[in-house]
């Protein structure tokens, strides 16, 4: 009953200034959305978020943790093809918003874990040469057979990498919570 929640609708990269001040607050950035940023972008975003925080405020950050390659790749290459359909849907969205003529059936979903970068990289790869017109922005794009178009990155974290990002953002990790398998984490942080 003591908890007061004020929900805002907006783009977290554009509308941070709408977050109200005053009182002890906790900004929650859950899921693993932070994983769609590079480490540098994540630190920059969290630094901007930190500008909203006052002494006594906290940030609760959700992250997807590093796991073995087989587990990670199985999640992004599921046997039901859900991720592949989600990935290829970007072509439908581009067609709709930019009056494009992508043929989604001509592109194959490709996703793999880049261990060196600790991230999943997701692509669409044409099965043959493609020429695509985006009428609304007067752009023609050519794809060679097999040329890959990156559609997403999903970074995976360790406690050390989260601490490094928080430090670069001017924050300090106070508490680290994980599920029993150590697959995901919630980090509670404050300003330094």
N, C-alpha and C. Protein backbone atom coordinates (compact mmCIF):
# COMPACT_ATOMS: atom_id res chain seq x y z
N UNK A 1 0.81 -1.23 0.00
CA UNK A 1 0.00 0.00 0.00
C UNK A 1 0.84 1.28 0.00
N UNK A 2 2.09 1.18 0.44
CA UNK A 2 2.93 2.39 0.47
C UNK A 2 3.55 2.69 -0.89
N UNK A 3 3.48 1.73 -1.79
CA UNK A 3 4.11 1.89 -3.09
C UNK A 3 3.23 2.73 -4.01
N UNK A 4 3.83 3.77 -4.58
CA UNK A 4 3.11 4.62 -5.52
C UNK A 4 3.73 4.40 -6.90
N UNK A 5 2.92 3.99 -7.85
CA UNK A 5 3.40 3.70 -9.19
C UNK A 5 2.85 4.75 -10.14
N UNK A 6 3.73 5.30 -10.96
CA UNK A 6 3.30 6.22 -12.00
C UNK A 6 3.85 5.68 -13.31
N UNK A 7 2.97 5.19 -14.15
CA UNK A 7 3.38 4.61 -15.43
C UNK A 7 3.41 5.69 -16.49
N UNK A 8 4.40 5.62 -17.37
CA UNK A 8 4.53 6.53 -18.49
C UNK A 8 4.61 5.73 -19.77
N UNK A 9 4.01 6.24 -20.81
CA UNK A 9 4.11 5.60 -22.12
C UNK A 9 5.03 6.46 -22.97
N UNK A 10 6.06 5.84 -23.53
CA UNK A 10 6.99 6.59 -24.36
C UNK A 10 8.14 5.71 -24.79
N UNK A 11 9.05 6.30 -25.52
CA UNK A 11 10.25 5.63 -25.98
C UNK A 11 11.34 5.89 -24.95
N UNK A 12 11.89 4.82 -24.40
CA UNK A 12 12.87 5.00 -23.33
C UNK A 12 14.12 5.73 -23.77
N UNK A 13 14.38 5.80 -25.08
CA UNK A 13 15.54 6.56 -25.55
C UNK A 13 15.21 8.04 -25.78
N UNK A 14 13.92 8.37 -25.89
CA UNK A 14 13.54 9.74 -26.21
C UNK A 14 12.81 10.48 -25.10
N UNK A 15 12.17 9.75 -24.18
CA UNK A 15 11.26 10.39 -23.25
C UNK A 15 11.67 10.25 -21.78
N UNK A 16 12.94 10.07 -21.52
CA UNK A 16 13.39 9.94 -20.13
C UNK A 16 13.06 11.18 -19.31
N UNK A 17 13.06 12.33 -19.94
CA UNK A 17 12.80 13.58 -19.20
C UNK A 17 11.40 13.61 -18.61
N UNK A 18 10.51 12.74 -19.06
CA UNK A 18 9.14 12.70 -18.53
C UNK A 18 9.05 12.02 -17.17
N UNK A 19 10.11 11.33 -16.77
CA UNK A 19 10.09 10.64 -15.48
C UNK A 19 10.06 11.69 -14.38
N UNK A 20 9.03 11.65 -13.52
CA UNK A 20 8.90 12.69 -12.48
C UNK A 20 9.95 12.55 -11.39
N UNK A 21 10.29 13.63 -10.77
CA UNK A 21 11.24 13.64 -9.65
C UNK A 21 10.51 13.63 -8.33
N UNK A 22 11.29 13.66 -7.26
CA UNK A 22 10.72 13.78 -5.92
C UNK A 22 10.48 12.44 -5.25
N UNK A 23 10.83 12.38 -3.97
CA UNK A 23 10.62 11.17 -3.19
C UNK A 23 11.61 10.09 -3.57
N UNK A 24 11.64 9.03 -2.78
CA UNK A 24 12.51 7.90 -3.09
C UNK A 24 11.88 7.14 -4.25
N UNK A 25 12.65 6.95 -5.32
CA UNK A 25 12.12 6.30 -6.52
C UNK A 25 13.01 5.15 -6.95
N UNK A 26 12.38 4.24 -7.68
CA UNK A 26 13.14 3.18 -8.31
C UNK A 26 12.74 3.16 -9.78
N UNK A 27 13.73 3.30 -10.65
CA UNK A 27 13.50 3.18 -12.09
C UNK A 27 13.80 1.74 -12.45
N UNK A 28 12.81 1.06 -13.03
CA UNK A 28 12.96 -0.35 -13.40
C UNK A 28 13.10 -0.46 -14.91
N UNK A 29 14.17 -1.08 -15.35
CA UNK A 29 14.42 -1.36 -16.77
C UNK A 29 14.57 -2.87 -16.86
N UNK A 30 13.45 -3.53 -17.06
CA UNK A 30 13.40 -4.98 -16.91
C UNK A 30 13.48 -5.70 -18.24
N UNK A 31 13.19 -7.00 -18.23
CA UNK A 31 13.41 -7.81 -19.41
C UNK A 31 14.90 -7.86 -19.63
N UNK A 32 15.30 -7.95 -20.86
CA UNK A 32 16.73 -7.88 -21.14
C UNK A 32 16.96 -6.88 -22.28
N UNK A 33 16.12 -5.85 -22.31
CA UNK A 33 16.18 -4.84 -23.37
C UNK A 33 17.55 -4.19 -23.44
N UNK A 34 18.23 -4.06 -22.32
CA UNK A 34 19.56 -3.44 -22.31
C UNK A 34 20.50 -4.24 -23.22
N UNK A 35 20.20 -5.50 -23.45
CA UNK A 35 21.03 -6.35 -24.29
C UNK A 35 21.00 -5.97 -25.77
N UNK A 36 20.05 -5.13 -26.18
CA UNK A 36 20.01 -4.68 -27.56
C UNK A 36 20.96 -3.52 -27.82
N UNK A 37 21.61 -3.05 -26.77
CA UNK A 37 22.63 -2.01 -26.89
C UNK A 37 24.01 -2.65 -26.84
N UNK A 38 24.99 -2.02 -27.49
CA UNK A 38 26.38 -2.42 -27.27
C UNK A 38 26.74 -1.99 -25.85
N UNK A 39 27.87 -2.44 -25.36
CA UNK A 39 28.27 -2.06 -23.99
C UNK A 39 28.39 -0.55 -23.85
N UNK A 40 28.96 0.10 -24.84
CA UNK A 40 29.12 1.55 -24.81
C UNK A 40 27.76 2.25 -24.84
N UNK A 41 26.85 1.77 -25.71
CA UNK A 41 25.51 2.35 -25.79
C UNK A 41 24.74 2.14 -24.48
N UNK A 42 24.91 0.96 -23.88
CA UNK A 42 24.24 0.67 -22.61
C UNK A 42 24.73 1.62 -21.53
N UNK A 43 26.04 1.84 -21.47
CA UNK A 43 26.60 2.76 -20.47
C UNK A 43 26.09 4.18 -20.70
N UNK A 44 26.01 4.61 -21.96
CA UNK A 44 25.49 5.95 -22.27
C UNK A 44 24.03 6.07 -21.86
N UNK A 45 23.22 5.06 -22.19
CA UNK A 45 21.81 5.09 -21.82
C UNK A 45 21.65 5.14 -20.30
N UNK A 46 22.40 4.31 -19.59
CA UNK A 46 22.29 4.29 -18.13
C UNK A 46 22.81 5.59 -17.51
N UNK A 47 23.79 6.22 -18.15
CA UNK A 47 24.26 7.53 -17.66
C UNK A 47 23.14 8.56 -17.78
N UNK A 48 22.41 8.54 -18.90
CA UNK A 48 21.26 9.45 -19.06
C UNK A 48 20.18 9.13 -18.04
N UNK A 49 19.96 7.85 -17.79
CA UNK A 49 18.99 7.46 -16.77
C UNK A 49 19.45 7.95 -15.40
N UNK A 50 20.75 7.86 -15.16
CA UNK A 50 21.31 8.31 -13.89
C UNK A 50 21.10 9.79 -13.63
N UNK A 51 20.98 10.59 -14.69
CA UNK A 51 20.71 12.01 -14.53
C UNK A 51 19.34 12.27 -13.90
N UNK A 52 18.45 11.30 -14.00
CA UNK A 52 17.11 11.42 -13.41
C UNK A 52 17.11 11.07 -11.94
N UNK A 53 18.11 10.30 -11.53
CA UNK A 53 18.13 9.79 -10.16
C UNK A 53 18.66 10.83 -9.19
N UNK A 54 18.11 10.78 -8.00
CA UNK A 54 18.59 11.62 -6.90
C UNK A 54 19.16 10.68 -5.85
N UNK A 55 19.87 11.23 -4.90
CA UNK A 55 20.40 10.39 -3.81
C UNK A 55 19.24 9.65 -3.17
N UNK A 56 19.40 8.37 -2.96
CA UNK A 56 18.35 7.55 -2.38
C UNK A 56 17.52 6.81 -3.42
N UNK A 57 17.56 7.26 -4.69
CA UNK A 57 16.85 6.56 -5.76
C UNK A 57 17.65 5.33 -6.18
N UNK A 58 16.98 4.40 -6.83
CA UNK A 58 17.63 3.18 -7.28
C UNK A 58 17.24 2.86 -8.72
N UNK A 59 18.08 2.08 -9.36
CA UNK A 59 17.82 1.52 -10.68
C UNK A 59 17.76 0.02 -10.51
N UNK A 60 16.71 -0.59 -11.06
CA UNK A 60 16.59 -2.05 -11.09
C UNK A 60 16.72 -2.46 -12.54
N UNK A 61 17.79 -3.20 -12.85
CA UNK A 61 18.14 -3.54 -14.23
C UNK A 61 18.07 -5.04 -14.45
N UNK A 62 17.34 -5.46 -15.48
CA UNK A 62 17.26 -6.87 -15.85
C UNK A 62 18.24 -7.19 -16.96
N UNK A 63 18.96 -8.30 -16.82
CA UNK A 63 19.92 -8.71 -17.85
C UNK A 63 19.84 -10.22 -18.08
N UNK A 64 20.13 -10.59 -19.31
CA UNK A 64 20.25 -11.98 -19.72
C UNK A 64 21.73 -12.34 -19.57
N UNK A 65 22.01 -13.40 -18.86
CA UNK A 65 23.41 -13.74 -18.56
C UNK A 65 24.01 -14.69 -19.60
N UNK A 66 25.33 -14.67 -19.66
CA UNK A 66 26.09 -15.57 -20.54
C UNK A 66 25.78 -17.01 -20.14
N UNK A 67 25.52 -17.83 -21.16
CA UNK A 67 25.26 -19.25 -20.97
C UNK A 67 26.06 -20.00 -22.02
N UNK A 68 25.94 -21.32 -22.04
CA UNK A 68 26.65 -22.08 -23.06
C UNK A 68 26.03 -21.82 -24.44
N UNK A 69 26.84 -21.94 -25.46
CA UNK A 69 26.44 -21.67 -26.85
C UNK A 69 25.18 -22.44 -27.23
N UNK A 70 25.13 -23.72 -26.90
CA UNK A 70 23.99 -24.55 -27.31
C UNK A 70 22.67 -24.02 -26.76
N UNK A 71 22.65 -23.64 -25.51
CA UNK A 71 21.43 -23.12 -24.88
C UNK A 71 21.01 -21.80 -25.53
N UNK A 72 21.97 -20.91 -25.73
CA UNK A 72 21.66 -19.60 -26.31
C UNK A 72 21.17 -19.75 -27.74
N UNK A 73 21.88 -20.52 -28.54
CA UNK A 73 21.49 -20.65 -29.95
C UNK A 73 20.16 -21.37 -30.10
N UNK A 74 19.84 -22.29 -29.21
CA UNK A 74 18.54 -22.96 -29.27
C UNK A 74 17.40 -21.96 -29.03
N UNK A 75 17.64 -20.99 -28.19
CA UNK A 75 16.60 -19.98 -27.91
C UNK A 75 16.33 -19.09 -29.11
N UNK A 76 17.35 -18.82 -29.92
CA UNK A 76 17.20 -17.91 -31.06
C UNK A 76 16.96 -18.65 -32.38
N UNK A 77 17.02 -19.96 -32.33
CA UNK A 77 16.74 -20.80 -33.50
C UNK A 77 15.76 -21.89 -33.09
N UNK A 78 14.65 -21.48 -32.47
CA UNK A 78 13.70 -22.43 -31.93
C UNK A 78 13.09 -23.30 -33.02
N UNK A 79 12.81 -24.55 -32.67
CA UNK A 79 12.32 -25.52 -33.66
C UNK A 79 10.94 -25.15 -34.21
N UNK A 80 10.15 -24.38 -33.47
CA UNK A 80 8.82 -23.98 -33.95
C UNK A 80 8.91 -22.81 -34.95
N UNK A 81 10.08 -22.20 -35.05
CA UNK A 81 10.27 -21.12 -36.01
C UNK A 81 9.69 -19.78 -35.59
N UNK A 82 9.36 -19.64 -34.31
CA UNK A 82 8.76 -18.39 -33.82
C UNK A 82 9.74 -17.23 -34.00
N UNK A 83 11.00 -17.42 -33.62
CA UNK A 83 11.98 -16.35 -33.74
C UNK A 83 12.24 -16.01 -35.20
N UNK A 84 12.27 -17.00 -36.05
CA UNK A 84 12.48 -16.75 -37.49
C UNK A 84 11.34 -15.91 -38.05
N UNK A 85 10.11 -16.22 -37.68
CA UNK A 85 8.96 -15.43 -38.17
C UNK A 85 9.01 -14.01 -37.62
N UNK A 86 9.38 -13.89 -36.35
CA UNK A 86 9.51 -12.56 -35.74
C UNK A 86 10.58 -11.76 -36.49
N UNK A 87 11.70 -12.38 -36.78
CA UNK A 87 12.80 -11.71 -37.46
C UNK A 87 12.38 -11.28 -38.87
N UNK A 88 11.79 -12.17 -39.63
CA UNK A 88 11.43 -11.82 -41.00
C UNK A 88 10.29 -10.81 -41.07
N UNK A 89 9.54 -10.68 -39.99
CA UNK A 89 8.46 -9.70 -39.97
C UNK A 89 8.98 -8.27 -40.12
N UNK A 90 10.25 -8.03 -39.81
CA UNK A 90 10.81 -6.69 -40.00
C UNK A 90 10.67 -6.26 -41.47
N UNK A 91 10.74 -7.22 -42.38
CA UNK A 91 10.60 -6.89 -43.79
C UNK A 91 9.17 -6.46 -44.10
N UNK A 92 8.18 -7.08 -43.46
CA UNK A 92 6.79 -6.64 -43.63
C UNK A 92 6.60 -5.23 -43.08
N UNK A 93 7.22 -4.95 -41.95
CA UNK A 93 7.12 -3.61 -41.34
C UNK A 93 7.75 -2.57 -42.26
N UNK A 94 8.92 -2.88 -42.80
CA UNK A 94 9.58 -1.95 -43.74
C UNK A 94 8.70 -1.74 -44.97
N UNK A 95 8.16 -2.82 -45.51
CA UNK A 95 7.27 -2.70 -46.67
C UNK A 95 6.09 -1.78 -46.37
N UNK A 96 5.49 -1.97 -45.21
CA UNK A 96 4.31 -1.19 -44.84
C UNK A 96 4.64 0.29 -44.63
N UNK A 97 5.72 0.57 -43.92
CA UNK A 97 6.03 1.95 -43.55
C UNK A 97 6.81 2.72 -44.60
N UNK A 98 7.55 2.00 -45.44
CA UNK A 98 8.37 2.69 -46.44
C UNK A 98 7.96 2.34 -47.87
N UNK A 99 6.78 1.77 -48.01
CA UNK A 99 6.30 1.36 -49.33
C UNK A 99 7.36 0.52 -50.04
N UNK A 100 7.85 -0.49 -49.33
CA UNK A 100 8.89 -1.35 -49.88
C UNK A 100 8.32 -2.56 -50.59
N UNK A 101 9.19 -3.25 -51.30
CA UNK A 101 8.76 -4.47 -51.98
C UNK A 101 9.64 -5.67 -51.63
N UNK A 102 10.10 -5.72 -50.36
CA UNK A 102 10.81 -6.91 -49.89
C UNK A 102 9.92 -8.13 -50.06
N UNK A 103 10.50 -9.25 -50.44
CA UNK A 103 9.81 -10.53 -50.45
C UNK A 103 10.33 -11.30 -49.23
N UNK A 104 9.58 -11.29 -48.12
CA UNK A 104 10.06 -11.95 -46.91
C UNK A 104 10.41 -13.43 -47.11
N UNK A 105 9.72 -14.09 -48.05
CA UNK A 105 10.00 -15.51 -48.29
C UNK A 105 11.35 -15.73 -48.97
N UNK A 106 11.95 -14.67 -49.49
CA UNK A 106 13.25 -14.79 -50.17
C UNK A 106 14.42 -14.65 -49.20
N UNK A 107 14.12 -14.43 -47.91
CA UNK A 107 15.17 -14.24 -46.91
C UNK A 107 15.06 -15.31 -45.83
N UNK A 108 16.21 -15.80 -45.41
CA UNK A 108 16.29 -16.85 -44.39
C UNK A 108 16.82 -16.25 -43.09
N UNK A 109 16.22 -16.67 -41.98
CA UNK A 109 16.65 -16.29 -40.64
C UNK A 109 17.98 -16.97 -40.31
N UNK A 110 18.94 -16.19 -39.83
CA UNK A 110 20.24 -16.72 -39.40
C UNK A 110 20.54 -16.08 -38.05
N UNK A 111 20.86 -16.90 -37.07
CA UNK A 111 21.16 -16.39 -35.74
C UNK A 111 22.25 -17.25 -35.12
N UNK A 112 23.25 -16.61 -34.55
CA UNK A 112 24.31 -17.38 -33.89
C UNK A 112 24.91 -16.57 -32.74
N UNK A 113 25.55 -17.29 -31.83
CA UNK A 113 26.17 -16.67 -30.67
C UNK A 113 27.62 -16.34 -30.97
N UNK A 114 27.96 -15.07 -30.86
CA UNK A 114 29.33 -14.59 -31.03
C UNK A 114 29.94 -14.56 -29.63
N UNK A 115 30.69 -15.60 -29.30
CA UNK A 115 31.24 -15.72 -27.94
C UNK A 115 32.20 -14.59 -27.61
N UNK A 116 33.01 -14.17 -28.58
CA UNK A 116 33.98 -13.11 -28.33
C UNK A 116 33.30 -11.81 -27.90
N UNK A 117 32.16 -11.50 -28.51
CA UNK A 117 31.42 -10.27 -28.19
C UNK A 117 30.34 -10.51 -27.15
N UNK A 118 30.15 -11.75 -26.71
CA UNK A 118 29.10 -12.13 -25.75
C UNK A 118 27.72 -11.64 -26.20
N UNK A 119 27.41 -11.93 -27.47
CA UNK A 119 26.11 -11.50 -27.98
C UNK A 119 25.61 -12.43 -29.08
N UNK A 120 24.30 -12.49 -29.17
CA UNK A 120 23.67 -13.17 -30.28
C UNK A 120 23.55 -12.16 -31.40
N UNK A 121 23.88 -12.58 -32.61
CA UNK A 121 23.72 -11.73 -33.79
C UNK A 121 22.68 -12.39 -34.68
N UNK A 122 21.69 -11.62 -35.08
CA UNK A 122 20.60 -12.13 -35.88
C UNK A 122 20.58 -11.41 -37.23
N UNK A 123 20.40 -12.19 -38.28
CA UNK A 123 20.47 -11.67 -39.65
C UNK A 123 19.32 -12.20 -40.48
N UNK A 124 19.13 -11.58 -41.62
CA UNK A 124 18.31 -12.12 -42.70
C UNK A 124 19.23 -12.26 -43.90
N UNK A 125 19.18 -13.44 -44.54
CA UNK A 125 20.07 -13.74 -45.66
C UNK A 125 19.23 -14.13 -46.88
N UNK A 126 19.40 -13.41 -48.00
CA UNK A 126 18.62 -13.76 -49.19
C UNK A 126 19.14 -15.06 -49.83
N UNK A 127 18.19 -15.84 -50.32
CA UNK A 127 18.54 -17.10 -50.97
C UNK A 127 18.97 -16.89 -52.42
N UNK A 128 18.71 -15.69 -52.93
CA UNK A 128 19.14 -15.33 -54.29
C UNK A 128 19.34 -13.82 -54.32
N UNK A 129 19.91 -13.33 -55.38
CA UNK A 129 20.13 -11.89 -55.52
C UNK A 129 18.78 -11.17 -55.43
N UNK A 130 18.76 -10.04 -54.69
CA UNK A 130 17.52 -9.29 -54.49
C UNK A 130 17.76 -7.81 -54.79
N UNK A 131 16.77 -7.21 -55.40
CA UNK A 131 16.76 -5.75 -55.57
C UNK A 131 15.45 -5.27 -54.94
N UNK A 132 15.58 -4.37 -53.99
CA UNK A 132 14.42 -3.92 -53.23
C UNK A 132 14.25 -2.42 -53.40
N UNK A 133 13.02 -2.01 -53.58
CA UNK A 133 12.69 -0.59 -53.72
C UNK A 133 11.95 -0.14 -52.47
N UNK A 134 12.42 0.97 -51.89
CA UNK A 134 11.75 1.61 -50.76
C UNK A 134 11.25 2.96 -51.27
N UNK A 135 10.05 2.96 -51.77
CA UNK A 135 9.49 4.10 -52.49
C UNK A 135 9.44 5.37 -51.63
N UNK A 136 9.00 5.25 -50.42
CA UNK A 136 8.80 6.43 -49.57
C UNK A 136 10.08 7.22 -49.32
N UNK A 137 11.22 6.55 -49.36
CA UNK A 137 12.49 7.27 -49.16
C UNK A 137 13.35 7.26 -50.42
N UNK A 138 12.73 6.88 -51.54
CA UNK A 138 13.39 6.91 -52.84
C UNK A 138 14.75 6.20 -52.80
N UNK A 139 14.72 4.94 -52.36
CA UNK A 139 15.95 4.18 -52.19
C UNK A 139 15.81 2.80 -52.82
N UNK A 140 16.82 2.41 -53.58
CA UNK A 140 16.92 1.06 -54.11
C UNK A 140 18.09 0.38 -53.42
N UNK A 141 17.87 -0.85 -52.98
CA UNK A 141 18.91 -1.59 -52.27
C UNK A 141 19.08 -2.94 -52.95
N UNK A 142 20.34 -3.30 -53.18
CA UNK A 142 20.63 -4.60 -53.78
C UNK A 142 21.32 -5.49 -52.75
N UNK A 143 20.93 -6.75 -52.78
CA UNK A 143 21.53 -7.75 -51.91
C UNK A 143 22.07 -8.86 -52.79
N UNK A 144 23.33 -9.21 -52.58
CA UNK A 144 23.90 -10.36 -53.29
C UNK A 144 23.37 -11.63 -52.64
N UNK A 145 23.35 -12.71 -53.38
CA UNK A 145 22.94 -13.98 -52.80
C UNK A 145 23.82 -14.28 -51.60
N UNK A 146 23.21 -14.57 -50.47
CA UNK A 146 23.95 -14.90 -49.25
C UNK A 146 24.42 -13.71 -48.44
N UNK A 147 24.28 -12.49 -48.97
CA UNK A 147 24.70 -11.30 -48.22
C UNK A 147 23.77 -11.12 -47.02
N UNK A 148 24.35 -10.97 -45.85
CA UNK A 148 23.51 -10.93 -44.66
C UNK A 148 23.23 -9.49 -44.22
N UNK A 149 21.99 -9.29 -43.77
CA UNK A 149 21.53 -8.01 -43.24
C UNK A 149 21.27 -8.23 -41.74
N UNK A 150 22.05 -7.54 -40.90
CA UNK A 150 21.87 -7.72 -39.45
C UNK A 150 20.61 -7.02 -39.00
N UNK A 151 19.79 -7.73 -38.24
CA UNK A 151 18.54 -7.18 -37.75
C UNK A 151 18.52 -6.98 -36.24
N UNK A 152 19.41 -7.65 -35.52
CA UNK A 152 19.39 -7.52 -34.07
C UNK A 152 20.70 -8.00 -33.47
N UNK A 153 21.04 -7.41 -32.34
CA UNK A 153 22.05 -7.99 -31.46
C UNK A 153 21.39 -8.14 -30.09
N UNK A 154 21.79 -9.16 -29.39
CA UNK A 154 21.27 -9.40 -28.05
C UNK A 154 22.45 -9.79 -27.16
N UNK A 155 22.97 -8.79 -26.46
CA UNK A 155 24.16 -9.01 -25.62
C UNK A 155 23.81 -9.81 -24.38
N UNK A 156 24.75 -10.61 -23.96
CA UNK A 156 24.64 -11.41 -22.75
C UNK A 156 25.68 -10.88 -21.77
N UNK A 157 25.37 -10.95 -20.50
CA UNK A 157 26.18 -10.27 -19.50
C UNK A 157 26.71 -11.22 -18.43
N UNK A 158 27.71 -10.74 -17.75
CA UNK A 158 28.22 -11.36 -16.53
C UNK A 158 28.09 -10.30 -15.44
N UNK A 159 28.27 -10.70 -14.22
CA UNK A 159 28.23 -9.71 -13.13
C UNK A 159 29.30 -8.63 -13.38
N UNK A 160 30.48 -9.06 -13.82
CA UNK A 160 31.58 -8.12 -14.05
C UNK A 160 31.23 -7.12 -15.15
N UNK A 161 30.61 -7.58 -16.23
CA UNK A 161 30.27 -6.64 -17.31
C UNK A 161 29.17 -5.68 -16.89
N UNK A 162 28.22 -6.15 -16.08
CA UNK A 162 27.18 -5.25 -15.56
C UNK A 162 27.81 -4.20 -14.64
N UNK A 163 28.70 -4.63 -13.77
CA UNK A 163 29.38 -3.67 -12.88
C UNK A 163 30.17 -2.64 -13.68
N UNK A 164 30.83 -3.09 -14.75
CA UNK A 164 31.61 -2.18 -15.60
C UNK A 164 30.70 -1.14 -16.27
N UNK A 165 29.56 -1.58 -16.79
CA UNK A 165 28.62 -0.66 -17.44
C UNK A 165 28.06 0.32 -16.42
N UNK A 166 27.68 -0.18 -15.27
CA UNK A 166 27.15 0.71 -14.23
C UNK A 166 28.19 1.73 -13.79
N UNK A 167 29.43 1.28 -13.65
CA UNK A 167 30.51 2.19 -13.25
C UNK A 167 30.70 3.30 -14.29
N UNK A 168 30.71 2.92 -15.57
CA UNK A 168 30.84 3.92 -16.63
C UNK A 168 29.67 4.90 -16.63
N UNK A 169 28.51 4.45 -16.12
CA UNK A 169 27.31 5.30 -16.06
C UNK A 169 27.23 6.10 -14.76
N UNK A 170 28.25 5.96 -13.90
CA UNK A 170 28.26 6.70 -12.64
C UNK A 170 27.43 6.06 -11.54
N UNK A 171 27.24 4.74 -11.65
CA UNK A 171 26.42 4.02 -10.66
C UNK A 171 27.23 2.91 -10.01
N UNK A 172 26.67 2.42 -8.92
CA UNK A 172 27.32 1.38 -8.14
C UNK A 172 26.34 0.24 -7.92
N UNK A 173 26.77 -0.99 -8.18
CA UNK A 173 25.93 -2.15 -7.95
C UNK A 173 25.80 -2.39 -6.45
N UNK A 174 24.56 -2.42 -5.95
CA UNK A 174 24.31 -2.69 -4.53
C UNK A 174 23.96 -4.15 -4.27
N UNK A 175 23.08 -4.70 -5.14
CA UNK A 175 22.64 -6.08 -4.96
C UNK A 175 22.54 -6.76 -6.33
N UNK A 176 22.83 -8.06 -6.34
CA UNK A 176 22.82 -8.88 -7.55
C UNK A 176 21.95 -10.09 -7.26
N UNK A 177 20.86 -10.22 -8.00
CA UNK A 177 19.93 -11.33 -7.81
C UNK A 177 19.88 -12.15 -9.09
N UNK A 178 19.92 -13.48 -8.96
CA UNK A 178 19.79 -14.34 -10.14
C UNK A 178 18.75 -15.42 -9.87
N UNK A 179 18.26 -16.01 -10.95
CA UNK A 179 17.40 -17.17 -10.81
C UNK A 179 18.26 -18.34 -10.36
N UNK A 180 17.62 -19.45 -10.02
CA UNK A 180 18.38 -20.60 -9.49
C UNK A 180 19.38 -21.17 -10.48
N UNK A 181 19.11 -21.03 -11.79
CA UNK A 181 20.02 -21.56 -12.80
C UNK A 181 21.11 -20.56 -13.20
N UNK A 182 21.02 -19.34 -12.72
CA UNK A 182 22.00 -18.32 -13.10
C UNK A 182 21.87 -17.89 -14.55
N UNK A 183 20.65 -17.95 -15.09
CA UNK A 183 20.43 -17.59 -16.49
C UNK A 183 20.14 -16.09 -16.67
N UNK A 184 19.53 -15.49 -15.65
CA UNK A 184 19.11 -14.09 -15.72
C UNK A 184 19.47 -13.41 -14.41
N UNK A 185 19.57 -12.08 -14.47
CA UNK A 185 19.90 -11.33 -13.26
C UNK A 185 19.08 -10.06 -13.16
N UNK A 186 18.86 -9.65 -11.93
CA UNK A 186 18.36 -8.32 -11.62
C UNK A 186 19.45 -7.64 -10.80
N UNK A 187 19.79 -6.43 -11.20
CA UNK A 187 20.81 -5.67 -10.49
C UNK A 187 20.16 -4.44 -9.89
N UNK A 188 20.40 -4.23 -8.63
CA UNK A 188 19.92 -3.03 -7.96
C UNK A 188 21.12 -2.09 -7.82
N UNK A 189 20.99 -0.90 -8.39
CA UNK A 189 22.13 0.03 -8.41
C UNK A 189 21.69 1.40 -7.90
N UNK A 190 22.69 2.18 -7.49
CA UNK A 190 22.47 3.55 -7.04
C UNK A 190 23.56 4.44 -7.60
N UNK A 191 23.36 5.74 -7.48
CA UNK A 191 24.41 6.67 -7.89
C UNK A 191 25.63 6.49 -7.02
N UNK A 192 26.81 6.70 -7.59
CA UNK A 192 28.04 6.63 -6.79
C UNK A 192 28.21 7.90 -6.00
